[in-house]
Amino acid sequence: MRTPALVSAALAALLLSACTTPAYVSPVEVTRFTGSAPAQLGRGPIAVTAAPGDTGADSLEFSLYRNAVAAELGRIGYNVVGGSGGGAQVAEIALERGVQAPLVPGGRSPVSVGVGGGTGGFGSGLGVGVGINLGGGGNRATEELYRQLRVTIRSTNSTTPLWEGRANFSASTNSDYAGEQAAAGRLAQALFAGFPGESGATIEVK
């Protein structure tokens, strides 16, 4: 039978191990496509909405990403307005989120994918499709959280995208980017860095 002292020592060792496990944050992988009218980008009024089919547009998590995207759109020259029809252009947001559990004996890790946001025809115009990469590769002693932000900019009177972009990264649950607010800011900043970006190129932003 284990004595209380041995149990306490074992528990302390486990807590110490959890506290000393290094945090992991991957670079942000960004892919962007520009349509045939680049001169229309980066100016004028724009509304920020959920992509068609989104079921979580009223959630607190979605509002964090919407606010982060709106801040970046304002930075690059847009006048962000309220309401889905309040601007000459609209930025439609879609989110994907997933969790990759720690590695288990035998090598492979169980994966749980949680989807937020709609896929709503995203990528049909310029080439950015839906993709989830739960490969991880960082600190697999703890869970890793995966997030992907996709944004389509189009004229309010057209279904043809003017611009599309996708940004994703993964981070361990003990990192500074485990929270949705920090993740939203990092993804939006990477996605709109050097806007509109080289069409069709995939880059990594650290």
Foldseek 3Di string as FASTA:
>chain_A
DDDPVRVVVVVVVVVVVVVPQDKDKFFKKKAKAADDCLVPPLEWEEEEFAAPPFDCRPPPLNVLLSVLLVVLSVVSHYDYDYDHPPIQKYKHKAKWKWKWAAADPPGDTDTGTDGGGDQRCPCVATHDHDDDDPPDPIRRRAMKMKMKMKIFMDGPVDPHTRMIMMIMIIIGCPDPCVDSNNVSNSRSCVHQVVPPDDHGDMDTHD
